[in-house]
Amino acid sequence: RAGDRFERMPDSDRIMAGINTSALEYAPAISSDGLELFFTRLSGALFWRKLTIEHATRKSADAPFAPSQTIAAITGFVEAPSVSGDGKALYYHGKVEGMHRIYRVTRP
């Protein structure tokens, strides 16, 4: 943040190099400590699309994120993760039987 506006960080490409791919990455949510990033990835060809919720970590707030891992417990038409303040719950929306609903997964 620069005053009352946001600006791209000069080292943004370095920090996100393990995240950004040739797929479409969007709807990021970062943990309260800044060490975990959750986001949606849309990959695949025109008639075969796959949506996944991804999770990436880093060792410090100025370090680059490691390549992401798909959260295997979340499948189907899913988007827009949001992590709880304590990092134990992840909320997202999924489309099931034509309806968009909010879902939650947890970790210990």
PDB file of N, CA and C in Angstrom:
ATOM      1  N   ARG A   1       0.840  -1.168   0.000  1.00  0.00           N
ATOM      2  CA  ARG A   1       0.000   0.000   0.000  1.00  0.00           C
ATOM      3  C   ARG A   1       0.886   1.231   0.000  1.00  0.00           C
ATOM      4  N   ALA A   2       0.562   2.172  -0.840  1.00  0.00           N
ATOM      5  CA  ALA A   2       1.278   3.444  -0.916  1.00  0.00           C
ATOM      6  C   ALA A   2       0.262   4.551  -0.675  1.00  0.00           C
ATOM      7  N   GLY A   3       0.222   5.051   0.557  1.00  0.00           N
ATOM      8  CA  GLY A   3      -0.764   6.071   0.891  1.00  0.00           C
ATOM      9  C   GLY A   3      -2.164   5.493   0.848  1.00  0.00           C
ATOM     10  N   ASP A   4      -3.012   6.056  -0.024  1.00  0.00           N
ATOM     11  CA  ASP A   4      -4.402   5.600  -0.110  1.00  0.00           C
ATOM     12  C   ASP A   4      -4.644   4.670  -1.296  1.00  0.00           C
ATOM     13  N   ARG A   5      -3.583   4.138  -1.902  1.00  0.00           N
ATOM     14  CA  ARG A   5      -3.761   3.241  -3.045  1.00  0.00           C
ATOM     15  C   ARG A   5      -2.820   2.039  -2.926  1.00  0.00           C
ATOM     16  N   PHE A   6      -3.104   1.031  -3.711  1.00  0.00           N
ATOM     17  CA  PHE A   6      -2.257  -0.148  -3.758  1.00  0.00           C
ATOM     18  C   PHE A   6      -1.392  -0.108  -4.998  1.00  0.00           C
ATOM     19  N   GLU A   7      -0.174  -0.590  -4.872  1.00  0.00           N
ATOM     20  CA  GLU A   7       0.752  -0.663  -5.989  1.00  0.00           C
ATOM     21  C   GLU A   7       1.372  -2.048  -6.019  1.00  0.00           C
ATOM     22  N   ARG A   8       1.691  -2.512  -7.218  1.00  0.00           N
ATOM     23  CA  ARG A   8       2.373  -3.796  -7.347  1.00  0.00           C
ATOM     24  C   ARG A   8       3.765  -3.686  -6.719  1.00  0.00           C
ATOM     25  N   MET A   9       4.127  -4.697  -5.940  1.00  0.00           N
ATOM     26  CA  MET A   9       5.446  -4.726  -5.314  1.00  0.00           C
ATOM     27  C   MET A   9       6.506  -4.946  -6.388  1.00  0.00           C
ATOM     28  N   PRO A  10       7.655  -4.281  -6.273  1.00  0.00           N
ATOM     29  CA  PRO A  10       8.705  -4.441  -7.278  1.00  0.00           C
ATOM     30  C   PRO A  10       9.168  -5.893  -7.425  1.00  0.00           C
ATOM     31  N   ASP A  11       9.107  -6.689  -6.357  1.00  0.00           N
ATOM     32  CA  ASP A  11       9.554  -8.076  -6.415  1.00  0.00           C
ATOM     33  C   ASP A  11       8.396  -9.070  -6.516  1.00  0.00           C
ATOM     34  N   SER A  12       7.248  -8.594  -6.954  1.00  0.00           N
ATOM     35  CA  SER A  12       6.060  -9.441  -7.074  1.00  0.00           C
ATOM     36  C   SER A  12       6.295 -10.646  -7.981  1.00  0.00           C
ATOM     37  N   ASP A  13       6.958 -10.455  -9.112  1.00  0.00           N
ATOM     38  CA  ASP A  13       7.220 -11.574 -10.021  1.00  0.00           C
ATOM     39  C   ASP A  13       8.051 -12.656  -9.329  1.00  0.00           C
ATOM     40  N   ARG A  14       9.030 -12.259  -8.536  1.00  0.00           N
ATOM     41  CA  ARG A  14       9.873 -13.215  -7.814  1.00  0.00           C
ATOM     42  C   ARG A  14       9.060 -13.958  -6.752  1.00  0.00           C
ATOM     43  N   ILE A  15       8.262 -13.245  -6.002  1.00  0.00           N
ATOM     44  CA  ILE A  15       7.475 -13.846  -4.916  1.00  0.00           C
ATOM     45  C   ILE A  15       6.433 -14.814  -5.463  1.00  0.00           C
ATOM     46  N   MET A  16       5.848 -14.510  -6.612  1.00  0.00           N
ATOM     47  CA  MET A  16       4.774 -15.334  -7.174  1.00  0.00           C
ATOM     48  C   MET A  16       5.233 -16.295  -8.267  1.00  0.00           C
ATOM     49  N   ALA A  17       6.533 -16.398  -8.512  1.00  0.00           N
ATOM     50  CA  ALA A  17       7.043 -17.246  -9.600  1.00  0.00           C
ATOM     51  C   ALA A  17       6.613 -18.707  -9.453  1.00  0.00           C
ATOM     52  N   GLY A  18       6.506 -19.211  -8.239  1.00  0.00           N
ATOM     53  CA  GLY A  18       6.074 -20.591  -8.023  1.00  0.00           C
ATOM     54  C   GLY A  18       4.580 -20.788  -8.100  1.00  0.00           C
ATOM     55  N   ILE A  19       3.836 -19.706  -8.185  1.00  0.00           N
ATOM     56  CA  ILE A  19       2.369 -19.738  -8.188  1.00  0.00           C
ATOM     57  C   ILE A  19       1.805 -19.572  -9.593  1.00  0.00           C
ATOM     58  N   ASN A  20       2.250 -18.547 -10.271  1.00  0.00           N
ATOM     59  CA  ASN A  20       1.703 -18.210 -11.583  1.00  0.00           C
ATOM     60  C   ASN A  20       2.191 -19.189 -12.648  1.00  0.00           C
ATOM     61  N   THR A  21       1.242 -19.783 -13.344  1.00  0.00           N
ATOM     62  CA  THR A  21       1.530 -20.760 -14.393  1.00  0.00           C
ATOM     63  C   THR A  21       0.821 -20.329 -15.672  1.00  0.00           C
ATOM     64  N   SER A  22       0.780 -21.204 -16.650  1.00  0.00           N
ATOM     65  CA  SER A  22       0.050 -20.906 -17.879  1.00  0.00           C
ATOM     66  C   SER A  22      -1.458 -21.061 -17.685  1.00  0.00           C
ATOM     67  N   ALA A  23      -1.876 -21.629 -16.552  1.00  0.00           N
ATOM     68  CA  ALA A  23      -3.306 -21.719 -16.219  1.00  0.00           C
ATOM     69  C   ALA A  23      -3.782 -20.359 -15.703  1.00  0.00           C
ATOM     70  N   LEU A  24      -5.041 -20.278 -15.355  1.00  0.00           N
ATOM     71  CA  LEU A  24      -5.600 -19.053 -14.780  1.00  0.00           C
ATOM     72  C   LEU A  24      -5.659 -19.202 -13.269  1.00  0.00           C
ATOM     73  N   GLU A  25      -4.915 -18.366 -12.562  1.00  0.00           N
ATOM     74  CA  GLU A  25      -4.951 -18.346 -11.100  1.00  0.00           C
ATOM     75  C   GLU A  25      -5.699 -17.097 -10.659  1.00  0.00           C
ATOM     76  N   TYR A  26      -6.643 -17.270  -9.734  1.00  0.00           N
ATOM     77  CA  TYR A  26      -7.421 -16.117  -9.280  1.00  0.00           C
ATOM     78  C   TYR A  26      -8.004 -16.370  -7.898  1.00  0.00           C
ATOM     79  N   ALA A  27      -8.652 -15.374  -7.341  1.00  0.00           N
ATOM     80  CA  ALA A  27      -9.309 -15.415  -6.035  1.00  0.00           C
ATOM     81  C   ALA A  27      -8.345 -15.806  -4.914  1.00  0.00           C
ATOM     82  N   PRO A  28      -7.253 -15.057  -4.735  1.00  0.00           N
ATOM     83  CA  PRO A  28      -6.304 -15.393  -3.684  1.00  0.00           C
ATOM     84  C   PRO A  28      -6.802 -15.017  -2.292  1.00  0.00           C
ATOM     85  N   ALA A  29      -6.355 -15.796  -1.317  1.00  0.00           N
ATOM     86  CA  ALA A  29      -6.607 -15.497   0.093  1.00  0.00           C
ATOM     87  C   ALA A  29      -5.340 -15.844   0.847  1.00  0.00           C
ATOM     88  N   ILE A  30      -4.838 -14.906   1.621  1.00  0.00           N
ATOM     89  CA  ILE A  30      -3.589 -15.137   2.332  1.00  0.00           C
ATOM     90  C   ILE A  30      -3.859 -15.301   3.820  1.00  0.00           C
ATOM     91  N   SER A  31      -3.062 -16.135   4.467  1.00  0.00           N
ATOM     92  CA  SER A  31      -3.211 -16.364   5.904  1.00  0.00           C
ATOM     93  C   SER A  31      -2.833 -15.101   6.672  1.00  0.00           C
ATOM     94  N   SER A  32      -3.244 -15.034   7.929  1.00  0.00           N
ATOM     95  CA  SER A  32      -2.991 -13.834   8.720  1.00  0.00           C
ATOM     96  C   SER A  32      -1.499 -13.585   8.940  1.00  0.00           C
ATOM     97  N   ASP A  33      -0.673 -14.624   8.922  1.00  0.00           N
ATOM     98  CA  ASP A  33       0.772 -14.423   9.077  1.00  0.00           C
ATOM     99  C   ASP A  33       1.487 -14.203   7.744  1.00  0.00           C
ATOM    100  N   GLY A  34       0.765 -14.299   6.622  1.00  0.00           N
ATOM    101  CA  GLY A  34       1.334 -14.058   5.307  1.00  0.00           C
ATOM    102  C   GLY A  34       2.174 -15.201   4.757  1.00  0.00           C
ATOM    103  N   LEU A  35       2.153 -16.357   5.407  1.00  0.00           N
ATOM    104  CA  LEU A  35       3.004 -17.473   4.993  1.00  0.00           C
ATOM    105  C   LEU A  35       2.286 -18.528   4.168  1.00  0.00           C
ATOM    106  N   GLU A  36       0.963 -18.426   4.066  1.00  0.00           N
ATOM    107  CA  GLU A  36       0.198 -19.382   3.264  1.00  0.00           C
ATOM    108  C   GLU A  36      -0.700 -18.621   2.303  1.00  0.00           C
ATOM    109  N   LEU A  37      -0.786 -19.119   1.085  1.00  0.00           N
ATOM    110  CA  LEU A  37      -1.643 -18.526   0.074  1.00  0.00           C
ATOM    111  C   LEU A  37      -2.562 -19.608  -0.470  1.00  0.00           C
ATOM    112  N   PHE A  38      -3.838 -19.302  -0.517  1.00  0.00           N
ATOM    113  CA  PHE A  38      -4.852 -20.188  -1.076  1.00  0.00           C
ATOM    114  C   PHE A  38      -5.441 -19.472  -2.278  1.00  0.00           C
ATOM    115  N   PHE A  39      -5.731 -20.186  -3.354  1.00  0.00           N
ATOM    116  CA  PHE A  39      -6.286 -19.550  -4.538  1.00  0.00           C
ATOM    117  C   PHE A  39      -6.962 -20.590  -5.419  1.00  0.00           C
ATOM    118  N   THR A  40      -7.701 -20.106  -6.410  1.00  0.00           N
ATOM    119  CA  THR A  40      -8.356 -20.969  -7.390  1.00  0.00           C
ATOM    120  C   THR A  40      -7.486 -21.056  -8.627  1.00  0.00           C
ATOM    121  N   ARG A  41      -7.401 -22.263  -9.187  1.00  0.00           N
ATOM    122  CA  ARG A  41      -6.699 -22.451 -10.462  1.00  0.00           C
ATOM    123  C   ARG A  41      -7.659 -23.102 -11.454  1.00  0.00           C
ATOM    124  N   LEU A  42      -7.776 -22.490 -12.620  1.00  0.00           N
ATOM    125  CA  LEU A  42      -8.558 -23.043 -13.723  1.00  0.00           C
ATOM    126  C   LEU A  42      -7.579 -23.512 -14.773  1.00  0.00           C
ATOM    127  N   SER A  43      -7.585 -24.803 -15.048  1.00  0.00           N
ATOM    128  CA  SER A  43      -6.668 -25.349 -16.043  1.00  0.00           C
ATOM    129  C   SER A  43      -7.445 -26.225 -17.015  1.00  0.00           C
ATOM    130  N   GLY A  44      -6.787 -26.595 -18.089  1.00  0.00           N
ATOM    131  CA  GLY A  44      -7.410 -27.475 -19.072  1.00  0.00           C
ATOM    132  C   GLY A  44      -7.761 -26.762 -20.353  1.00  0.00           C
ATOM    133  N   ALA A  45      -8.150 -27.568 -21.337  1.00  0.00           N
ATOM    134  CA  ALA A  45      -8.522 -27.059 -22.652  1.00  0.00           C
ATOM    135  C   ALA A  45      -9.965 -26.574 -22.651  1.00  0.00           C
ATOM    136  N   LEU A  46     -10.384 -26.005 -23.759  1.00  0.00           N
ATOM    137  CA  LEU A  46     -11.701 -25.393 -23.883  1.00  0.00           C
ATOM    138  C   LEU A  46     -12.843 -26.315 -23.439  1.00  0.00           C
ATOM    139  N   PHE A  47     -12.810 -27.573 -23.839  1.00  0.00           N
ATOM    140  CA  PHE A  47     -13.914 -28.469 -23.501  1.00  0.00           C
ATOM    141  C   PHE A  47     -13.612 -29.361 -22.301  1.00  0.00           C
ATOM    142  N   TRP A  48     -12.465 -29.178 -21.687  1.00  0.00           N
ATOM    143  CA  TRP A  48     -12.125 -29.935 -20.495  1.00  0.00           C
ATOM    144  C   TRP A  48     -11.482 -28.972 -19.513  1.00  0.00           C
ATOM    145  N   ARG A  49     -12.287 -28.441 -18.644  1.00  0.00           N
ATOM    146  CA  ARG A  49     -11.803 -27.478 -17.655  1.00  0.00           C
ATOM    147  C   ARG A  49     -11.774 -28.127 -16.282  1.00  0.00           C
ATOM    148  N   LYS A  50     -10.803 -27.738 -15.501  1.00  0.00           N
ATOM    149  CA  LYS A  50     -10.672 -28.266 -14.147  1.00  0.00           C
ATOM    150  C   LYS A  50     -10.425 -27.098 -13.198  1.00  0.00           C
ATOM    151  N   LEU A  51     -11.242 -27.004 -12.175  1.00  0.00           N
ATOM    152  CA  LEU A  51     -11.066 -26.006 -11.122  1.00  0.00           C
ATOM    153  C   LEU A  51     -10.510 -26.700  -9.888  1.00  0.00           C
ATOM    154  N   THR A  52      -9.487 -26.107  -9.293  1.00  0.00           N
ATOM    155  CA  THR A  52      -8.929 -26.631  -8.065  1.00  0.00           C
ATOM    156  C   THR A  52      -8.677 -25.486  -7.090  1.00  0.00           C
ATOM    157  N   ILE A  53      -8.693 -25.821  -5.813  1.00  0.00           N
ATOM    158  CA  ILE A  53      -8.246 -24.882  -4.785  1.00  0.00           C
ATOM    159  C   ILE A  53      -6.821 -25.286  -4.446  1.00  0.00           C
ATOM    160  N   GLU A  54      -5.915 -24.320  -4.550  1.00  0.00           N
ATOM    161  CA  GLU A  54      -4.493 -24.551  -4.362  1.00  0.00           C
ATOM    162  C   GLU A  54      -4.002 -23.952  -3.050  1.00  0.00           C
ATOM    163  N   HIS A  55      -2.907 -24.504  -2.549  1.00  0.00           N
ATOM    164  CA  HIS A  55      -2.295 -24.057  -1.302  1.00  0.00           C
ATOM    165  C   HIS A  55      -0.789 -23.956  -1.512  1.00  0.00           C
ATOM    166  N   ALA A  56      -0.223 -22.810  -1.209  1.00  0.00           N
ATOM    167  CA  ALA A  56       1.215 -22.606  -1.325  1.00  0.00           C
ATOM    168  C   ALA A  56       1.730 -22.010  -0.019  1.00  0.00           C
ATOM    169  N   THR A  57       2.978 -22.321   0.298  1.00  0.00           N
ATOM    170  CA  THR A  57       3.587 -21.811   1.529  1.00  0.00           C
ATOM    171  C   THR A  57       4.916 -21.133   1.215  1.00  0.00           C
ATOM    172  N   ARG A  58       5.372 -20.378   2.197  1.00  0.00           N
ATOM    173  CA  ARG A  58       6.707 -19.779   2.126  1.00  0.00           C
ATOM    174  C   ARG A  58       7.255 -19.670   3.541  1.00  0.00           C
ATOM    175  N   LYS A  59       8.571 -19.497   3.657  1.00  0.00           N
ATOM    176  CA  LYS A  59       9.233 -19.518   4.964  1.00  0.00           C
ATOM    177  C   LYS A  59       9.193 -18.179   5.694  1.00  0.00           C
ATOM    178  N   SER A  60       9.074 -17.093   4.952  1.00  0.00           N
ATOM    179  CA  SER A  60       9.004 -15.766   5.572  1.00  0.00           C
ATOM    180  C   SER A  60       8.188 -14.848   4.670  1.00  0.00           C
ATOM    181  N   ALA A  61       7.789 -13.707   5.209  1.00  0.00           N
ATOM    182  CA  ALA A  61       6.909 -12.794   4.477  1.00  0.00           C
ATOM    183  C   ALA A  61       7.573 -12.178   3.247  1.00  0.00           C
ATOM    184  N   ASP A  62       8.892 -12.193   3.156  1.00  0.00           N
ATOM    185  CA  ASP A  62       9.550 -11.646   1.970  1.00  0.00           C
ATOM    186  C   ASP A  62      10.112 -12.734   1.052  1.00  0.00           C
ATOM    187  N   ALA A  63       9.872 -14.000   1.400  1.00  0.00           N
ATOM    188  CA  ALA A  63      10.347 -15.121   0.581  1.00  0.00           C
ATOM    189  C   ALA A  63       9.335 -15.447  -0.506  1.00  0.00           C
ATOM    190  N   PRO A  64       9.781 -16.053  -1.604  1.00  0.00           N
ATOM    191  CA  PRO A  64       8.834 -16.487  -2.638  1.00  0.00           C
ATOM    192  C   PRO A  64       8.009 -17.676  -2.152  1.00  0.00           C
ATOM    193  N   PHE A  65       6.812 -17.803  -2.694  1.00  0.00           N
ATOM    194  CA  PHE A  65       5.981 -18.965  -2.400  1.00  0.00           C
ATOM    195  C   PHE A  65       6.520 -20.165  -3.168  1.00  0.00           C
ATOM    196  N   ALA A  66       6.479 -21.325  -2.522  1.00  0.00           N
ATOM    197  CA  ALA A  66       6.814 -22.579  -3.198  1.00  0.00           C
ATOM    198  C   ALA A  66       5.675 -22.906  -4.163  1.00  0.00           C
ATOM    199  N   PRO A  67       5.919 -23.770  -5.140  1.00  0.00           N
ATOM    200  CA  PRO A  67       4.815 -24.198  -6.015  1.00  0.00           C
ATOM    201  C   PRO A  67       3.667 -24.757  -5.185  1.00  0.00           C
ATOM    202  N   SER A  68       2.475 -24.526  -5.657  1.00  0.00           N
ATOM    203  CA  SER A  68       1.278 -24.907  -4.892  1.00  0.00           C
ATOM    204  C   SER A  68       0.985 -26.390  -4.983  1.00  0.00           C
ATOM    205  N   GLN A  69       0.168 -26.820  -4.039  1.00  0.00           N
ATOM    206  CA  GLN A  69      -0.370 -28.173  -4.011  1.00  0.00           C
ATOM    207  C   GLN A  69      -1.885 -28.061  -4.049  1.00  0.00           C
ATOM    208  N   THR A  70      -2.540 -28.948  -4.770  1.00  0.00           N
ATOM    209  CA  THR A  70      -4.002 -28.973  -4.806  1.00  0.00           C
ATOM    210  C   THR A  70      -4.516 -29.531  -3.489  1.00  0.00           C
ATOM    211  N   ILE A  71      -5.553 -28.915  -2.940  1.00  0.00           N
ATOM    212  CA  ILE A  71      -6.188 -29.437  -1.729  1.00  0.00           C
ATOM    213  C   ILE A  71      -7.125 -30.551  -2.169  1.00  0.00           C
ATOM    214  N   ALA A  72      -6.717 -31.785  -1.924  1.00  0.00           N
ATOM    215  CA  ALA A  72      -7.414 -32.969  -2.441  1.00  0.00           C
ATOM    216  C   ALA A  72      -8.823 -33.129  -1.873  1.00  0.00           C
ATOM    217  N   ALA A  73      -9.084 -32.602  -0.691  1.00  0.00           N
ATOM    218  CA  ALA A  73     -10.406 -32.744  -0.069  1.00  0.00           C
ATOM    219  C   ALA A  73     -11.466 -31.881  -0.734  1.00  0.00           C
ATOM    220  N   ILE A  74     -11.035 -30.967  -1.627  1.00  0.00           N
ATOM    221  CA  ILE A  74     -11.964 -30.053  -2.293  1.00  0.00           C
ATOM    222  C   ILE A  74     -12.000 -30.414  -3.774  1.00  0.00           C
ATOM    223  N   THR A  75     -13.148 -30.861  -4.262  1.00  0.00           N
ATOM    224  CA  THR A  75     -13.263 -31.281  -5.662  1.00  0.00           C
ATOM    225  C   THR A  75     -14.511 -30.701  -6.305  1.00  0.00           C
ATOM    226  N   GLY A  76     -14.562 -30.782  -7.631  1.00  0.00           N
ATOM    227  CA  GLY A  76     -15.732 -30.338  -8.371  1.00  0.00           C
ATOM    228  C   GLY A  76     -15.587 -28.913  -8.856  1.00  0.00           C
ATOM    229  N   PHE A  77     -16.725 -28.261  -9.055  1.00  0.00           N
ATOM    230  CA  PHE A  77     -16.760 -26.870  -9.494  1.00  0.00           C
ATOM    231  C   PHE A  77     -16.610 -26.006  -8.248  1.00  0.00           C
ATOM    232  N   VAL A  78     -15.374 -25.636  -7.929  1.00  0.00           N
ATOM    233  CA  VAL A  78     -15.063 -24.950  -6.671  1.00  0.00           C
ATOM    234  C   VAL A  78     -14.239 -23.692  -6.951  1.00  0.00           C
ATOM    235  N   GLU A  79     -14.448 -22.679  -6.140  1.00  0.00           N
ATOM    236  CA  GLU A  79     -13.746 -21.408  -6.315  1.00  0.00           C
ATOM    237  C   GLU A  79     -13.665 -20.647  -5.004  1.00  0.00           C
ATOM    238  N   ALA A  80     -12.835 -19.617  -5.020  1.00  0.00           N
ATOM    239  CA  ALA A  80     -12.819 -18.534  -4.049  1.00  0.00           C
ATOM    240  C   ALA A  80     -12.582 -18.956  -2.603  1.00  0.00           C
ATOM    241  N   PRO A  81     -11.407 -19.484  -2.304  1.00  0.00           N
ATOM    242  CA  PRO A  81     -11.120 -19.855  -0.923  1.00  0.00           C
ATOM    243  C   PRO A  81     -10.973 -18.633  -0.025  1.00  0.00           C
ATOM    244  N   SER A  82     -11.279 -18.844   1.245  1.00  0.00           N
ATOM    245  CA  SER A  82     -11.094 -17.814   2.264  1.00  0.00           C
ATOM    246  C   SER A  82     -10.675 -18.523   3.543  1.00  0.00           C
ATOM    247  N   VAL A  83      -9.527 -18.149   4.079  1.00  0.00           N
ATOM    248  CA  VAL A  83      -8.976 -18.837   5.246  1.00  0.00           C
ATOM    249  C   VAL A  83      -9.368 -18.098   6.523  1.00  0.00           C
ATOM    250  N   SER A  84      -9.676 -18.870   7.561  1.00  0.00           N
ATOM    251  CA  SER A  84     -10.031 -18.276   8.854  1.00  0.00           C
ATOM    252  C   SER A  84      -8.791 -17.657   9.494  1.00  0.00           C
ATOM    253  N   GLY A  85      -9.006 -16.771  10.430  1.00  0.00           N
ATOM    254  CA  GLY A  85      -7.908 -16.072  11.096  1.00  0.00           C
ATOM    255  C   GLY A  85      -6.926 -16.994  11.784  1.00  0.00           C
ATOM    256  N   ASP A  86      -7.417 -18.093  12.346  1.00  0.00           N
ATOM    257  CA  ASP A  86      -6.530 -19.038  13.030  1.00  0.00           C
ATOM    258  C   ASP A  86      -5.927 -20.066  12.072  1.00  0.00           C
ATOM    259  N   GLY A  87      -6.313 -20.025  10.796  1.00  0.00           N
ATOM    260  CA  GLY A  87      -5.759 -20.906   9.791  1.00  0.00           C
ATOM    261  C   GLY A  87      -6.262 -22.338   9.828  1.00  0.00           C
ATOM    262  N   LYS A  88      -7.239 -22.627  10.664  1.00  0.00           N
ATOM    263  CA  LYS A  88      -7.718 -24.005  10.803  1.00  0.00           C
ATOM    264  C   LYS A  88      -8.888 -24.338   9.883  1.00  0.00           C
ATOM    265  N   ALA A  89      -9.551 -23.343   9.340  1.00  0.00           N
ATOM    266  CA  ALA A  89     -10.700 -23.583   8.462  1.00  0.00           C
ATOM    267  C   ALA A  89     -10.508 -22.840   7.146  1.00  0.00           C
ATOM    268  N   LEU A  90     -10.983 -23.477   6.099  1.00  0.00           N
ATOM    269  CA  LEU A  90     -10.950 -22.866   4.771  1.00  0.00           C
ATOM    270  C   LEU A  90     -12.363 -22.936   4.212  1.00  0.00           C
ATOM    271  N   TYR A  91     -12.885 -21.795   3.821  1.00  0.00           N
ATOM    272  CA  TYR A  91     -14.225 -21.701   3.246  1.00  0.00           C
ATOM    273  C   TYR A  91     -14.070 -21.508   1.744  1.00  0.00           C
ATOM    274  N   TYR A  92     -15.004 -22.009   0.974  1.00  0.00           N
ATOM    275  CA  TYR A  92     -14.982 -21.856  -0.478  1.00  0.00           C
ATOM    276  C   TYR A  92     -16.396 -22.047  -0.990  1.00  0.00           C
ATOM    277  N   HIS A  93     -16.643 -21.686  -2.233  1.00  0.00           N
ATOM    278  CA  HIS A  93     -17.962 -21.982  -2.773  1.00  0.00           C
ATOM    279  C   HIS A  93     -17.829 -23.048  -3.852  1.00  0.00           C
ATOM    280  N   GLY A  94     -18.841 -23.875  -3.890  1.00  0.00           N
ATOM    281  CA  GLY A  94     -18.885 -24.963  -4.854  1.00  0.00           C
ATOM    282  C   GLY A  94     -20.262 -25.039  -5.483  1.00  0.00           C
ATOM    283  N   LYS A  95     -20.300 -25.516  -6.697  1.00  0.00           N
ATOM    284  CA  LYS A  95     -21.563 -25.686  -7.406  1.00  0.00           C
ATOM    285  C   LYS A  95     -21.915 -27.172  -7.387  1.00  0.00           C
ATOM    286  N   VAL A  96     -23.043 -27.490  -6.756  1.00  0.00           N
ATOM    287  CA  VAL A  96     -23.512 -28.869  -6.644  1.00  0.00           C
ATOM    288  C   VAL A  96     -24.976 -28.898  -7.048  1.00  0.00           C
ATOM    289  N   GLU A  97     -25.300 -29.758  -8.003  1.00  0.00           N
ATOM    290  CA  GLU A  97     -26.671 -29.895  -8.503  1.00  0.00           C
ATOM    291  C   GLU A  97     -27.258 -28.554  -8.924  1.00  0.00           C
ATOM    292  N   GLY A  98     -26.432 -27.751  -9.599  1.00  0.00           N
ATOM    293  CA  GLY A  98     -26.884 -26.474 -10.137  1.00  0.00           C
ATOM    294  C   GLY A  98     -26.963 -25.336  -9.136  1.00  0.00           C
ATOM    295  N   MET A  99     -26.620 -25.590  -7.890  1.00  0.00           N
ATOM    296  CA  MET A  99     -26.707 -24.560  -6.844  1.00  0.00           C
ATOM    297  C   MET A  99     -25.309 -24.226  -6.323  1.00  0.00           C
ATOM    298  N   HIS A 100     -25.043 -22.944  -6.141  1.00  0.00           N
ATOM    299  CA  HIS A 100     -23.788 -22.507  -5.521  1.00  0.00           C
ATOM    300  C   HIS A 100     -23.997 -22.459  -4.020  1.00  0.00           C
ATOM    301  N   ARG A 101     -23.115 -23.110  -3.306  1.00  0.00           N
ATOM    302  CA  ARG A 101     -23.197 -23.190  -1.851  1.00  0.00           C
ATOM    303  C   ARG A 101     -21.825 -22.878  -1.254  1.00  0.00           C
ATOM    304  N   ILE A 102     -21.807 -22.474   0.002  1.00  0.00           N
ATOM    305  CA  ILE A 102     -20.562 -22.253   0.725  1.00  0.00           C
ATOM    306  C   ILE A 102     -20.257 -23.520   1.518  1.00  0.00           C
ATOM    307  N   TYR A 103     -18.984 -23.940   1.435  1.00  0.00           N
ATOM    308  CA  TYR A 103     -18.527 -25.148   2.129  1.00  0.00           C
ATOM    309  C   TYR A 103     -17.327 -24.800   2.998  1.00  0.00           C
ATOM    310  N   ARG A 104     -16.988 -25.743   3.885  1.00  0.00           N
ATOM    311  CA  ARG A 104     -15.883 -25.536   4.811  1.00  0.00           C
ATOM    312  C   ARG A 104     -15.096 -26.833   4.949  1.00  0.00           C
ATOM    313  N   VAL A 105     -13.787 -26.737   4.930  1.00  0.00           N
ATOM    314  CA  VAL A 105     -12.906 -27.839   5.279  1.00  0.00           C
ATOM    315  C   VAL A 105     -12.043 -27.370   6.444  1.00  0.00           C
ATOM    316  N   THR A 106     -11.568 -28.320   7.242  1.00  0.00           N
ATOM    317  CA  THR A 106     -10.770 -27.975   8.415  1.00  0.00           C
ATOM    318  C   THR A 106      -9.512 -28.833   8.459  1.00  0.00           C
ATOM    319  N   ARG A 107      -8.581 -28.379   9.279  1.00  0.00           N
ATOM    320  CA  ARG A 107      -7.364 -29.138   9.563  1.00  0.00           C
ATOM    321  C   ARG A 107      -7.097 -29.029  11.056  1.00  0.00           C
ATOM    322  N   PRO A 108      -6.331 -29.976  11.595  1.00  0.00           N
ATOM    323  CA  PRO A 108      -6.069 -29.946  13.042  1.00  0.00           C
ATOM    324  C   PRO A 108      -5.325 -28.710  13.481  1.00  0.00           C
TER     325      PRO A 108
END
